[in-house]
């Protein structure tokens, strides 16, 4: 899919420059309009695909990047980490519709300045942008409750071991040999893991685990 972008003027020096990464055009447009209504904020670029984030960020050097995490394979904490490494001056806010266990590890690692739920009041997003631009961090109260309420990975130690090996590319037979299990037991574990992580398949479960910080 071709990336959709809107590249605006950099604006005055006292404006907080925002890069907006959201895959749904209607939501992206509404967020851009909300931000542009603020006297101290301006949107310098919009993007609907993760492969354009770094390019536009390096071109426009935003103060804050707002990154959607709800489309599999497009955006996430891993994208925020890359952005932090290549443009340390840019703060990142993660926009999500659900609180996933482990997401706060991105904040603790320093790559993310805040997590905001999509159904939060608009004032909360505006406040989060201002906090991020000033070097502070912000977690929406609903998201904090959801995330801290389930402390870390929602898998058993054995399920985590199976998922880690699957993430390294091991097939069920190899996982079975490594963990001294039967192949049938490994397949049962993989089925349980996919269900617990609300994933579509094993690959999607691994991706979700990486994005949530549950796999190294």
N, C-alpha and C. Protein backbone atom coordinates (compact mmCIF):
# COMPACT_ATOMS: atom_id res chain seq x y z
N UNK A 1 0.85 -1.20 0.00
CA UNK A 1 0.00 0.00 0.00
C UNK A 1 0.88 1.24 0.00
N UNK A 2 0.54 2.23 -0.81
CA UNK A 2 1.32 3.45 -0.88
C UNK A 2 1.10 4.27 0.37
N UNK A 3 2.15 4.77 0.94
CA UNK A 3 2.02 5.55 2.17
C UNK A 3 1.33 6.87 1.88
N UNK A 4 0.38 7.24 2.73
CA UNK A 4 -0.28 8.54 2.60
C UNK A 4 0.43 9.52 3.50
N UNK A 5 0.80 10.64 2.96
CA UNK A 5 1.51 11.63 3.76
C UNK A 5 0.92 13.00 3.53
N UNK A 6 1.02 13.83 4.55
CA UNK A 6 0.72 15.24 4.40
C UNK A 6 1.87 15.98 5.00
N UNK A 7 2.57 16.72 4.19
CA UNK A 7 3.76 17.42 4.64
C UNK A 7 3.48 18.91 4.66
N UNK A 8 3.43 19.45 5.86
CA UNK A 8 3.10 20.87 5.99
C UNK A 8 4.32 21.69 6.30
N UNK A 9 4.16 23.00 6.40
CA UNK A 9 5.28 23.87 6.75
C UNK A 9 5.72 23.63 8.17
N UNK A 10 6.96 23.92 8.43
CA UNK A 10 7.48 23.67 9.77
C UNK A 10 6.89 24.61 10.81
N UNK A 11 6.39 25.74 10.37
CA UNK A 11 5.73 26.62 11.33
C UNK A 11 6.72 27.43 12.15
N UNK A 12 6.17 28.11 13.15
CA UNK A 12 7.00 28.95 14.01
C UNK A 12 7.83 28.10 14.95
N UNK A 13 8.90 28.70 15.45
CA UNK A 13 9.82 27.97 16.32
C UNK A 13 9.16 27.58 17.64
N UNK A 14 8.15 28.34 18.07
CA UNK A 14 7.55 28.03 19.37
C UNK A 14 6.46 26.98 19.26
N UNK A 15 6.17 26.49 18.06
CA UNK A 15 5.17 25.44 17.90
C UNK A 15 5.79 24.07 18.14
N UNK A 16 5.04 23.19 18.80
CA UNK A 16 5.46 21.80 18.96
C UNK A 16 5.10 21.07 17.67
N UNK A 17 6.10 20.52 16.99
CA UNK A 17 5.89 19.85 15.70
C UNK A 17 5.56 18.38 15.92
N UNK A 18 4.49 17.92 15.27
CA UNK A 18 3.97 16.57 15.50
C UNK A 18 3.97 15.78 14.20
N UNK A 19 4.47 14.54 14.26
CA UNK A 19 4.32 13.57 13.17
C UNK A 19 3.22 12.61 13.59
N UNK A 20 2.27 12.36 12.69
CA UNK A 20 1.11 11.55 13.01
C UNK A 20 1.10 10.28 12.16
N UNK A 21 1.25 9.11 12.80
CA UNK A 21 1.24 7.82 12.10
C UNK A 21 0.01 7.03 12.53
N UNK A 22 -0.98 6.99 11.66
CA UNK A 22 -2.25 6.30 11.93
C UNK A 22 -2.76 5.73 10.63
N UNK A 23 -3.12 4.44 10.61
CA UNK A 23 -3.45 3.78 9.35
C UNK A 23 -4.87 4.02 8.86
N UNK A 24 -5.77 4.51 9.73
CA UNK A 24 -7.14 4.77 9.32
C UNK A 24 -7.28 6.25 8.92
N UNK A 25 -7.58 6.55 7.66
CA UNK A 25 -7.62 7.94 7.20
C UNK A 25 -8.57 8.83 8.00
N UNK A 26 -9.75 8.32 8.33
CA UNK A 26 -10.72 9.13 9.06
C UNK A 26 -10.19 9.52 10.44
N UNK A 27 -9.60 8.54 11.14
CA UNK A 27 -9.04 8.83 12.47
C UNK A 27 -7.86 9.77 12.34
N UNK A 28 -7.02 9.51 11.35
CA UNK A 28 -5.83 10.36 11.15
C UNK A 28 -6.23 11.81 10.90
N UNK A 29 -7.27 11.99 10.05
CA UNK A 29 -7.72 13.34 9.75
C UNK A 29 -8.31 14.03 10.97
N UNK A 30 -9.06 13.28 11.78
CA UNK A 30 -9.66 13.86 12.98
C UNK A 30 -8.58 14.27 13.99
N UNK A 31 -7.57 13.43 14.14
CA UNK A 31 -6.48 13.75 15.06
C UNK A 31 -5.70 14.97 14.58
N UNK A 32 -5.45 15.02 13.27
CA UNK A 32 -4.72 16.17 12.73
C UNK A 32 -5.50 17.46 12.96
N UNK A 33 -6.82 17.40 12.74
CA UNK A 33 -7.65 18.59 12.96
C UNK A 33 -7.62 19.02 14.42
N UNK A 34 -7.70 18.04 15.33
CA UNK A 34 -7.65 18.34 16.76
C UNK A 34 -6.33 19.03 17.12
N UNK A 35 -5.24 18.49 16.61
CA UNK A 35 -3.92 19.05 16.93
C UNK A 35 -3.77 20.45 16.36
N UNK A 36 -4.23 20.65 15.13
CA UNK A 36 -4.08 21.95 14.48
C UNK A 36 -4.93 23.03 15.15
N UNK A 37 -5.94 22.63 15.92
CA UNK A 37 -6.77 23.60 16.64
C UNK A 37 -6.02 24.21 17.82
N UNK A 38 -4.94 23.55 18.25
CA UNK A 38 -4.20 24.03 19.41
C UNK A 38 -3.21 25.12 18.99
N UNK A 39 -3.15 26.22 19.71
CA UNK A 39 -2.29 27.34 19.29
C UNK A 39 -0.79 27.03 19.37
N UNK A 40 -0.42 26.00 20.12
CA UNK A 40 1.00 25.72 20.30
C UNK A 40 1.45 24.44 19.61
N UNK A 41 0.54 23.79 18.83
CA UNK A 41 0.87 22.52 18.18
C UNK A 41 0.64 22.62 16.68
N UNK A 42 1.42 21.85 15.90
CA UNK A 42 1.21 21.78 14.46
C UNK A 42 1.62 20.41 13.94
N UNK A 43 0.89 19.89 12.96
CA UNK A 43 1.23 18.61 12.34
C UNK A 43 2.13 18.88 11.14
N UNK A 44 3.34 18.33 11.14
CA UNK A 44 4.27 18.56 10.04
C UNK A 44 4.28 17.41 9.05
N UNK A 45 3.74 16.23 9.44
CA UNK A 45 3.68 15.10 8.51
C UNK A 45 2.67 14.08 9.00
N UNK A 46 2.00 13.43 8.05
CA UNK A 46 1.08 12.33 8.36
C UNK A 46 1.49 11.12 7.53
N UNK A 47 1.33 9.92 8.09
CA UNK A 47 1.76 8.72 7.39
C UNK A 47 0.85 7.56 7.78
N UNK A 48 0.60 6.64 6.83
CA UNK A 48 -0.23 5.48 7.13
C UNK A 48 0.54 4.17 7.07
N UNK A 49 1.84 4.24 6.92
CA UNK A 49 2.64 3.01 6.82
C UNK A 49 3.98 3.22 7.52
N UNK A 50 4.42 2.22 8.27
CA UNK A 50 5.61 2.38 9.12
C UNK A 50 6.89 2.63 8.34
N UNK A 51 6.96 2.18 7.06
CA UNK A 51 8.21 2.35 6.34
C UNK A 51 8.47 3.79 5.94
N UNK A 52 7.52 4.69 6.20
CA UNK A 52 7.70 6.11 5.91
C UNK A 52 8.00 6.94 7.15
N UNK A 53 7.85 6.34 8.34
CA UNK A 53 7.99 7.11 9.57
C UNK A 53 9.39 7.70 9.71
N UNK A 54 10.42 6.86 9.61
CA UNK A 54 11.78 7.36 9.81
C UNK A 54 12.16 8.38 8.75
N UNK A 55 11.77 8.13 7.50
CA UNK A 55 12.09 9.05 6.42
C UNK A 55 11.53 10.44 6.69
N UNK A 56 10.23 10.48 7.05
CA UNK A 56 9.59 11.77 7.29
C UNK A 56 10.09 12.41 8.59
N UNK A 57 10.36 11.60 9.58
CA UNK A 57 10.86 12.15 10.84
C UNK A 57 12.22 12.81 10.64
N UNK A 58 13.10 12.16 9.89
CA UNK A 58 14.42 12.73 9.65
C UNK A 58 14.32 13.98 8.77
N UNK A 59 13.30 14.03 7.90
CA UNK A 59 13.13 15.20 7.04
C UNK A 59 12.56 16.38 7.81
N UNK A 60 11.54 16.14 8.63
CA UNK A 60 10.83 17.23 9.30
C UNK A 60 11.24 17.45 10.75
N UNK A 61 11.95 16.47 11.32
CA UNK A 61 12.45 16.57 12.70
C UNK A 61 11.36 17.03 13.68
N UNK A 62 10.30 16.23 13.81
CA UNK A 62 9.22 16.58 14.74
C UNK A 62 9.68 16.51 16.19
N UNK A 63 8.97 17.22 17.03
CA UNK A 63 9.25 17.14 18.47
C UNK A 63 8.57 15.91 19.08
N UNK A 64 7.43 15.54 18.52
CA UNK A 64 6.65 14.41 19.03
C UNK A 64 6.12 13.59 17.85
N UNK A 65 6.22 12.27 17.93
CA UNK A 65 5.61 11.37 16.96
C UNK A 65 4.51 10.59 17.66
N UNK A 66 3.32 10.59 17.08
CA UNK A 66 2.21 9.81 17.61
C UNK A 66 2.06 8.58 16.73
N UNK A 67 2.22 7.39 17.31
CA UNK A 67 2.26 6.15 16.54
C UNK A 67 1.14 5.21 16.96
N UNK A 68 0.32 4.85 15.98
CA UNK A 68 -0.77 3.89 16.19
C UNK A 68 -0.20 2.48 16.26
N UNK A 69 -0.74 1.63 17.15
CA UNK A 69 -0.23 0.26 17.28
C UNK A 69 -1.27 -0.80 16.93
N UNK A 70 -2.42 -0.40 16.40
CA UNK A 70 -3.53 -1.35 16.26
C UNK A 70 -3.56 -2.12 14.95
N UNK A 71 -2.70 -1.81 14.00
CA UNK A 71 -2.69 -2.57 12.75
C UNK A 71 -1.49 -3.49 12.74
N UNK A 72 -1.70 -4.81 12.76
CA UNK A 72 -0.59 -5.76 12.82
C UNK A 72 0.43 -5.54 11.72
N UNK A 73 1.70 -5.49 12.13
CA UNK A 73 2.78 -5.39 11.16
C UNK A 73 3.09 -3.99 10.68
N UNK A 74 2.38 -2.98 11.20
CA UNK A 74 2.60 -1.63 10.70
C UNK A 74 3.35 -0.76 11.70
N UNK A 75 2.79 -0.56 12.87
CA UNK A 75 3.42 0.30 13.85
C UNK A 75 3.56 -0.44 15.17
N UNK A 76 4.36 0.09 16.07
CA UNK A 76 4.48 -0.53 17.37
C UNK A 76 5.64 0.03 18.15
N UNK A 77 5.89 -0.58 19.32
CA UNK A 77 6.98 -0.14 20.17
C UNK A 77 8.31 -0.30 19.45
N UNK A 78 8.44 -1.32 18.60
CA UNK A 78 9.69 -1.52 17.87
C UNK A 78 9.98 -0.34 16.95
N UNK A 79 8.93 0.21 16.31
CA UNK A 79 9.10 1.39 15.47
C UNK A 79 9.53 2.58 16.31
N UNK A 80 8.94 2.72 17.48
CA UNK A 80 9.31 3.81 18.39
C UNK A 80 10.76 3.69 18.82
N UNK A 81 11.22 2.47 19.03
CA UNK A 81 12.61 2.26 19.43
C UNK A 81 13.57 2.67 18.31
N UNK A 82 13.24 2.33 17.07
CA UNK A 82 14.06 2.75 15.94
C UNK A 82 14.10 4.26 15.83
N UNK A 83 12.94 4.88 15.99
CA UNK A 83 12.87 6.34 15.90
C UNK A 83 13.69 7.00 17.00
N UNK A 84 13.62 6.44 18.20
CA UNK A 84 14.40 6.97 19.32
C UNK A 84 15.89 6.89 19.03
N UNK A 85 16.32 5.79 18.39
CA UNK A 85 17.73 5.63 18.09
C UNK A 85 18.23 6.57 17.02
N UNK A 86 17.41 6.84 16.00
CA UNK A 86 17.85 7.67 14.89
C UNK A 86 17.55 9.15 15.08
N UNK A 87 16.55 9.46 15.90
CA UNK A 87 16.22 10.87 16.16
C UNK A 87 15.87 11.04 17.64
N UNK A 88 16.90 11.04 18.51
CA UNK A 88 16.66 11.08 19.95
C UNK A 88 15.87 12.29 20.42
N UNK A 89 15.90 13.38 19.66
CA UNK A 89 15.19 14.59 20.07
C UNK A 89 13.68 14.46 19.92
N UNK A 90 13.22 13.44 19.18
CA UNK A 90 11.79 13.24 18.96
C UNK A 90 11.21 12.32 20.02
N UNK A 91 10.21 12.80 20.73
CA UNK A 91 9.51 11.98 21.72
C UNK A 91 8.39 11.20 21.04
N UNK A 92 8.05 10.04 21.57
CA UNK A 92 7.05 9.19 20.94
C UNK A 92 5.89 8.90 21.88
N UNK A 93 4.68 9.03 21.34
CA UNK A 93 3.46 8.64 22.05
C UNK A 93 2.82 7.48 21.30
N UNK A 94 2.46 6.42 22.01
CA UNK A 94 1.80 5.27 21.41
C UNK A 94 0.29 5.45 21.57
N UNK A 95 -0.43 5.32 20.45
CA UNK A 95 -1.88 5.42 20.45
C UNK A 95 -2.45 4.03 20.22
N UNK A 96 -3.31 3.57 21.11
CA UNK A 96 -3.81 2.20 21.02
C UNK A 96 -5.27 2.13 21.46
N UNK A 97 -5.96 1.10 21.00
CA UNK A 97 -7.36 0.94 21.40
C UNK A 97 -7.50 0.01 22.59
N UNK A 98 -6.44 -0.75 22.93
CA UNK A 98 -6.50 -1.66 24.07
C UNK A 98 -5.20 -1.59 24.85
N UNK A 99 -5.29 -1.89 26.15
CA UNK A 99 -4.10 -1.95 26.99
C UNK A 99 -3.53 -3.35 26.97
N UNK A 100 -2.34 -3.51 26.43
CA UNK A 100 -1.72 -4.83 26.35
C UNK A 100 -0.72 -5.01 27.49
N UNK A 101 -0.76 -6.13 28.20
CA UNK A 101 0.23 -6.39 29.23
C UNK A 101 1.64 -6.29 28.66
N UNK A 102 2.52 -5.61 29.37
CA UNK A 102 3.91 -5.50 28.92
C UNK A 102 4.20 -4.24 28.14
N UNK A 103 3.17 -3.47 27.73
CA UNK A 103 3.42 -2.29 26.91
C UNK A 103 4.22 -1.23 27.66
N UNK A 104 4.07 -1.17 28.98
CA UNK A 104 4.79 -0.14 29.73
C UNK A 104 6.29 -0.36 29.74
N UNK A 105 6.73 -1.54 29.30
CA UNK A 105 8.18 -1.75 29.23
C UNK A 105 8.81 -0.78 28.25
N UNK A 106 8.06 -0.34 27.24
CA UNK A 106 8.59 0.64 26.30
C UNK A 106 8.91 1.95 26.99
N UNK A 107 8.08 2.33 27.95
CA UNK A 107 8.35 3.55 28.72
C UNK A 107 9.56 3.35 29.61
N UNK A 108 9.61 2.20 30.28
CA UNK A 108 10.72 1.94 31.19
C UNK A 108 12.04 1.88 30.44
N UNK A 109 12.01 1.43 29.18
CA UNK A 109 13.22 1.36 28.37
C UNK A 109 13.61 2.73 27.82
N UNK A 110 12.74 3.72 27.97
CA UNK A 110 13.07 5.06 27.52
C UNK A 110 12.72 5.37 26.09
N UNK A 111 12.16 4.40 25.34
CA UNK A 111 11.87 4.63 23.93
C UNK A 111 10.55 5.34 23.71
N UNK A 112 9.67 5.29 24.69
CA UNK A 112 8.31 5.83 24.54
C UNK A 112 8.02 6.81 25.67
N UNK A 113 7.38 7.93 25.31
CA UNK A 113 7.06 8.94 26.31
C UNK A 113 5.66 8.79 26.89
N UNK A 114 4.81 7.98 26.24
CA UNK A 114 3.48 7.81 26.79
C UNK A 114 2.63 6.88 25.96
N UNK A 115 1.58 6.34 26.60
CA UNK A 115 0.59 5.50 25.95
C UNK A 115 -0.79 6.13 26.18
N UNK A 116 -1.55 6.27 25.10
CA UNK A 116 -2.87 6.88 25.19
C UNK A 116 -3.89 5.97 24.51
N UNK A 117 -5.02 5.75 25.18
CA UNK A 117 -6.10 4.97 24.58
C UNK A 117 -6.86 5.83 23.57
N UNK A 118 -7.32 5.20 22.48
CA UNK A 118 -8.02 5.95 21.43
C UNK A 118 -9.35 6.51 21.90
N UNK A 119 -9.97 5.90 22.91
CA UNK A 119 -11.24 6.42 23.38
C UNK A 119 -11.09 7.36 24.57
N UNK A 120 -9.86 7.79 24.83
CA UNK A 120 -9.63 8.76 25.90
C UNK A 120 -10.13 10.13 25.47
N UNK A 121 -10.42 11.02 26.41
CA UNK A 121 -10.83 12.38 26.06
C UNK A 121 -9.76 13.06 25.21
N UNK A 122 -10.19 13.90 24.27
CA UNK A 122 -9.24 14.57 23.38
C UNK A 122 -8.25 15.42 24.16
N UNK A 123 -8.70 15.97 25.28
CA UNK A 123 -7.81 16.80 26.09
C UNK A 123 -6.62 16.00 26.61
N UNK A 124 -6.83 14.68 26.82
CA UNK A 124 -5.75 13.84 27.33
C UNK A 124 -4.64 13.69 26.29
N UNK A 125 -5.01 13.56 25.01
CA UNK A 125 -4.01 13.46 23.96
C UNK A 125 -3.23 14.76 23.84
N UNK A 126 -3.93 15.88 23.86
CA UNK A 126 -3.26 17.18 23.76
C UNK A 126 -2.29 17.37 24.92
N UNK A 127 -2.73 17.01 26.12
CA UNK A 127 -1.86 17.12 27.29
C UNK A 127 -0.64 16.21 27.15
N UNK A 128 -0.86 15.00 26.64
CA UNK A 128 0.24 14.06 26.47
C UNK A 128 1.28 14.59 25.48
N UNK A 129 0.83 15.22 24.41
CA UNK A 129 1.77 15.80 23.43
C UNK A 129 2.62 16.87 24.11
N UNK A 130 1.99 17.73 24.88
CA UNK A 130 2.73 18.81 25.55
C UNK A 130 3.70 18.24 26.58
N UNK A 131 3.25 17.23 27.32
CA UNK A 131 4.14 16.60 28.30
C UNK A 131 5.33 15.96 27.61
N UNK A 132 5.07 15.25 26.53
CA UNK A 132 6.17 14.58 25.82
C UNK A 132 7.17 15.59 25.29
N UNK A 133 6.66 16.68 24.72
CA UNK A 133 7.55 17.71 24.15
C UNK A 133 8.44 18.34 25.22
N UNK A 134 7.93 18.39 26.45
CA UNK A 134 8.70 18.99 27.55
C UNK A 134 9.56 17.96 28.29
N UNK A 135 9.56 16.71 27.78
CA UNK A 135 10.41 15.69 28.38
C UNK A 135 9.76 14.86 29.45
N UNK A 136 8.47 15.09 29.69
CA UNK A 136 7.76 14.30 30.69
C UNK A 136 7.08 13.10 30.04
N UNK A 137 6.66 12.15 30.86
CA UNK A 137 5.99 10.96 30.37
C UNK A 137 4.56 10.92 30.88
N UNK A 138 3.71 10.25 30.10
CA UNK A 138 2.30 10.20 30.47
C UNK A 138 1.70 8.87 30.06
N UNK A 139 0.93 8.29 30.97
CA UNK A 139 0.20 7.06 30.70
C UNK A 139 -1.26 7.32 31.02
N UNK A 140 -2.14 7.07 30.07
CA UNK A 140 -3.56 7.23 30.34
C UNK A 140 -3.97 6.37 31.52
N UNK A 141 -4.79 6.87 32.44
CA UNK A 141 -5.14 6.11 33.65
C UNK A 141 -5.80 4.77 33.36
N UNK A 142 -6.66 4.72 32.33
CA UNK A 142 -7.30 3.46 31.99
C UNK A 142 -6.28 2.44 31.50
N UNK A 143 -5.32 2.91 30.69
CA UNK A 143 -4.30 2.01 30.16
C UNK A 143 -3.38 1.54 31.27
N UNK A 144 -3.02 2.43 32.18
CA UNK A 144 -2.16 2.03 33.29
C UNK A 144 -2.81 0.94 34.12
N UNK A 145 -4.10 1.11 34.39
CA UNK A 145 -4.81 0.11 35.18
C UNK A 145 -4.85 -1.23 34.46
N UNK A 146 -5.11 -1.18 33.14
CA UNK A 146 -5.19 -2.42 32.37
C UNK A 146 -3.84 -3.12 32.29
N UNK A 147 -2.79 -2.32 32.14
CA UNK A 147 -1.46 -2.90 31.94
C UNK A 147 -0.87 -3.43 33.24
N UNK A 148 -0.92 -2.59 34.29
CA UNK A 148 -0.35 -3.04 35.55
C UNK A 148 -1.20 -4.11 36.20
N UNK A 149 -2.51 -4.18 35.82
CA UNK A 149 -3.38 -5.18 36.39
C UNK A 149 -2.98 -6.59 36.01
N UNK A 150 -2.29 -6.76 34.88
CA UNK A 150 -1.79 -8.07 34.46
C UNK A 150 -0.28 -7.92 34.36
N UNK A 151 0.42 -8.31 35.37
CA UNK A 151 1.83 -8.00 35.52
C UNK A 151 2.68 -8.83 34.56
N UNK A 152 2.94 -8.27 33.38
CA UNK A 152 3.84 -8.91 32.44
C UNK A 152 3.18 -9.91 31.53
N UNK A 153 3.96 -10.82 31.06
CA UNK A 153 3.54 -11.80 30.07
C UNK A 153 2.43 -12.72 30.60
N UNK A 154 1.31 -12.85 29.86
CA UNK A 154 0.20 -13.69 30.32
C UNK A 154 0.39 -15.16 29.95
N UNK A 155 1.61 -15.65 29.99
CA UNK A 155 1.91 -17.04 29.65
C UNK A 155 2.66 -17.69 30.80
N UNK A 156 2.54 -19.01 30.90
CA UNK A 156 3.33 -19.73 31.89
C UNK A 156 4.80 -19.75 31.46
N UNK A 157 5.69 -20.15 32.36
CA UNK A 157 7.11 -20.22 32.02
C UNK A 157 7.35 -21.18 30.86
N UNK A 158 6.66 -22.30 30.85
CA UNK A 158 6.85 -23.27 29.77
C UNK A 158 6.33 -22.71 28.43
N UNK A 159 5.17 -22.05 28.48
CA UNK A 159 4.63 -21.44 27.27
C UNK A 159 5.57 -20.36 26.75
N UNK A 160 6.15 -19.60 27.66
CA UNK A 160 7.10 -18.56 27.24
C UNK A 160 8.32 -19.19 26.59
N UNK A 161 8.81 -20.29 27.14
CA UNK A 161 9.96 -20.98 26.55
C UNK A 161 9.65 -21.48 25.15
N UNK A 162 8.45 -22.02 24.97
CA UNK A 162 8.03 -22.49 23.65
C UNK A 162 7.95 -21.33 22.67
N UNK A 163 7.37 -20.23 23.12
CA UNK A 163 7.24 -19.06 22.24
C UNK A 163 8.60 -18.48 21.89
N UNK A 164 9.51 -18.46 22.85
CA UNK A 164 10.85 -17.93 22.58
C UNK A 164 11.55 -18.75 21.50
N UNK A 165 11.45 -20.07 21.59
CA UNK A 165 12.07 -20.92 20.58
C UNK A 165 11.38 -20.76 19.23
N UNK A 166 10.05 -20.63 19.25
CA UNK A 166 9.32 -20.39 18.01
C UNK A 166 9.76 -19.07 17.38
N UNK A 167 10.01 -18.08 18.23
CA UNK A 167 10.48 -16.79 17.73
C UNK A 167 11.86 -16.85 17.11
N UNK A 168 12.64 -17.84 17.53
CA UNK A 168 13.97 -18.05 16.93
C UNK A 168 13.89 -18.86 15.65
N UNK A 169 12.67 -19.26 15.26
CA UNK A 169 12.49 -19.99 14.01
C UNK A 169 12.44 -21.50 14.16
N UNK A 170 12.41 -22.01 15.39
CA UNK A 170 12.39 -23.46 15.60
C UNK A 170 11.02 -24.04 15.24
N UNK A 171 11.02 -25.21 14.63
CA UNK A 171 9.80 -25.92 14.30
C UNK A 171 9.36 -26.74 15.53
N UNK A 172 8.10 -27.19 15.55
CA UNK A 172 7.61 -27.94 16.71
C UNK A 172 8.50 -29.12 17.10
N UNK A 173 9.04 -29.84 16.14
CA UNK A 173 9.91 -30.98 16.47
C UNK A 173 11.18 -30.52 17.17
N UNK A 174 11.72 -29.39 16.73
CA UNK A 174 12.94 -28.86 17.35
C UNK A 174 12.64 -28.33 18.75
N UNK A 175 11.50 -27.69 18.91
CA UNK A 175 11.11 -27.20 20.23
C UNK A 175 10.90 -28.38 21.18
N UNK A 176 10.26 -29.42 20.68
CA UNK A 176 10.03 -30.62 21.50
C UNK A 176 11.34 -31.22 21.97
N UNK A 177 12.31 -31.32 21.08
CA UNK A 177 13.61 -31.88 21.45
C UNK A 177 14.34 -31.01 22.45
N UNK A 178 14.25 -29.69 22.27
CA UNK A 178 14.96 -28.77 23.15
C UNK A 178 14.38 -28.76 24.56
N UNK A 179 13.06 -28.94 24.68
CA UNK A 179 12.39 -28.86 25.97
C UNK A 179 11.98 -30.21 26.53
N UNK A 180 12.39 -31.28 25.84
CA UNK A 180 12.06 -32.64 26.27
C UNK A 180 10.55 -32.84 26.38
N UNK A 181 9.86 -32.45 25.31
CA UNK A 181 8.41 -32.58 25.26
C UNK A 181 8.04 -33.40 24.01
N UNK A 182 6.81 -33.85 23.95
CA UNK A 182 6.34 -34.49 22.73
C UNK A 182 5.93 -33.41 21.74
N UNK A 183 5.93 -33.76 20.46
CA UNK A 183 5.54 -32.78 19.45
C UNK A 183 4.08 -32.37 19.65
N UNK A 184 3.24 -33.32 20.03
CA UNK A 184 1.84 -33.00 20.28
C UNK A 184 1.67 -32.00 21.40
N UNK A 185 2.47 -32.13 22.46
CA UNK A 185 2.40 -31.19 23.58
C UNK A 185 2.84 -29.80 23.13
N UNK A 186 3.88 -29.73 22.31
CA UNK A 186 4.36 -28.43 21.80
C UNK A 186 3.26 -27.77 20.98
N UNK A 187 2.62 -28.56 20.12
CA UNK A 187 1.54 -27.99 19.30
C UNK A 187 0.39 -27.50 20.16
N UNK A 188 0.11 -28.22 21.24
CA UNK A 188 -0.94 -27.77 22.16
C UNK A 188 -0.54 -26.45 22.83
N UNK A 189 0.75 -26.36 23.22
CA UNK A 189 1.24 -25.12 23.81
C UNK A 189 1.10 -23.96 22.82
N UNK A 190 1.46 -24.20 21.56
CA UNK A 190 1.39 -23.14 20.55
C UNK A 190 -0.05 -22.69 20.33
N UNK A 191 -0.98 -23.63 20.35
CA UNK A 191 -2.39 -23.28 20.21
C UNK A 191 -2.85 -22.42 21.38
N UNK A 192 -2.42 -22.78 22.59
CA UNK A 192 -2.78 -22.02 23.79
C UNK A 192 -2.18 -20.63 23.75
N UNK A 193 -0.92 -20.54 23.31
CA UNK A 193 -0.24 -19.24 23.23
C UNK A 193 -0.96 -18.31 22.26
N UNK A 194 -1.32 -18.83 21.10
CA UNK A 194 -2.03 -18.01 20.11
C UNK A 194 -3.35 -17.50 20.70
N UNK A 195 -4.06 -18.35 21.42
CA UNK A 195 -5.33 -17.95 22.02
C UNK A 195 -5.12 -16.90 23.11
N UNK A 196 -4.13 -17.12 23.98
CA UNK A 196 -3.89 -16.18 25.08
C UNK A 196 -3.46 -14.80 24.59
N UNK A 197 -2.72 -14.76 23.50
CA UNK A 197 -2.25 -13.47 22.98
C UNK A 197 -3.21 -12.87 21.96
N UNK A 198 -4.36 -13.54 21.76
CA UNK A 198 -5.36 -13.06 20.81
C UNK A 198 -4.72 -12.84 19.44
N UNK A 199 -3.89 -13.78 19.05
CA UNK A 199 -3.17 -13.70 17.78
C UNK A 199 -3.88 -14.52 16.71
N UNK A 200 -3.52 -14.27 15.46
CA UNK A 200 -4.13 -15.00 14.35
C UNK A 200 -3.46 -16.35 14.14
N UNK A 201 -2.15 -16.42 14.43
CA UNK A 201 -1.38 -17.63 14.22
C UNK A 201 -0.09 -17.52 15.01
N UNK A 202 0.80 -18.51 14.83
CA UNK A 202 2.05 -18.52 15.58
C UNK A 202 2.92 -17.31 15.26
N UNK A 203 3.00 -16.95 13.98
CA UNK A 203 3.82 -15.81 13.57
C UNK A 203 3.30 -14.52 14.20
N UNK A 204 1.99 -14.35 14.19
CA UNK A 204 1.39 -13.16 14.78
C UNK A 204 1.61 -13.13 16.29
N UNK A 205 1.59 -14.30 16.95
CA UNK A 205 1.85 -14.36 18.38
C UNK A 205 3.27 -13.93 18.70
N UNK A 206 4.23 -14.37 17.88
CA UNK A 206 5.63 -13.97 18.08
C UNK A 206 5.77 -12.46 17.90
N UNK A 207 5.12 -11.93 16.84
CA UNK A 207 5.21 -10.49 16.60
C UNK A 207 4.65 -9.69 17.77
N UNK A 208 3.48 -10.12 18.28
CA UNK A 208 2.88 -9.41 19.40
C UNK A 208 3.78 -9.46 20.63
N UNK A 209 4.41 -10.60 20.85
CA UNK A 209 5.29 -10.75 22.00
C UNK A 209 6.50 -9.84 21.89
N UNK A 210 7.06 -9.72 20.68
CA UNK A 210 8.20 -8.81 20.47
C UNK A 210 7.77 -7.37 20.70
N UNK A 211 6.63 -6.96 20.14
CA UNK A 211 6.17 -5.59 20.29
C UNK A 211 5.87 -5.24 21.73
N UNK A 212 5.41 -6.24 22.51
CA UNK A 212 5.09 -5.99 23.91
C UNK A 212 6.32 -6.08 24.82
N UNK A 213 7.47 -6.45 24.26
CA UNK A 213 8.69 -6.53 25.06
C UNK A 213 8.85 -7.83 25.82
N UNK A 214 8.08 -8.87 25.43
CA UNK A 214 8.15 -10.17 26.12
C UNK A 214 9.22 -11.08 25.55
N UNK A 215 9.73 -10.75 24.37
CA UNK A 215 10.82 -11.53 23.78
C UNK A 215 11.99 -10.60 23.53
N UNK A 216 13.23 -11.06 23.77
CA UNK A 216 14.40 -10.18 23.61
C UNK A 216 14.68 -9.90 22.14
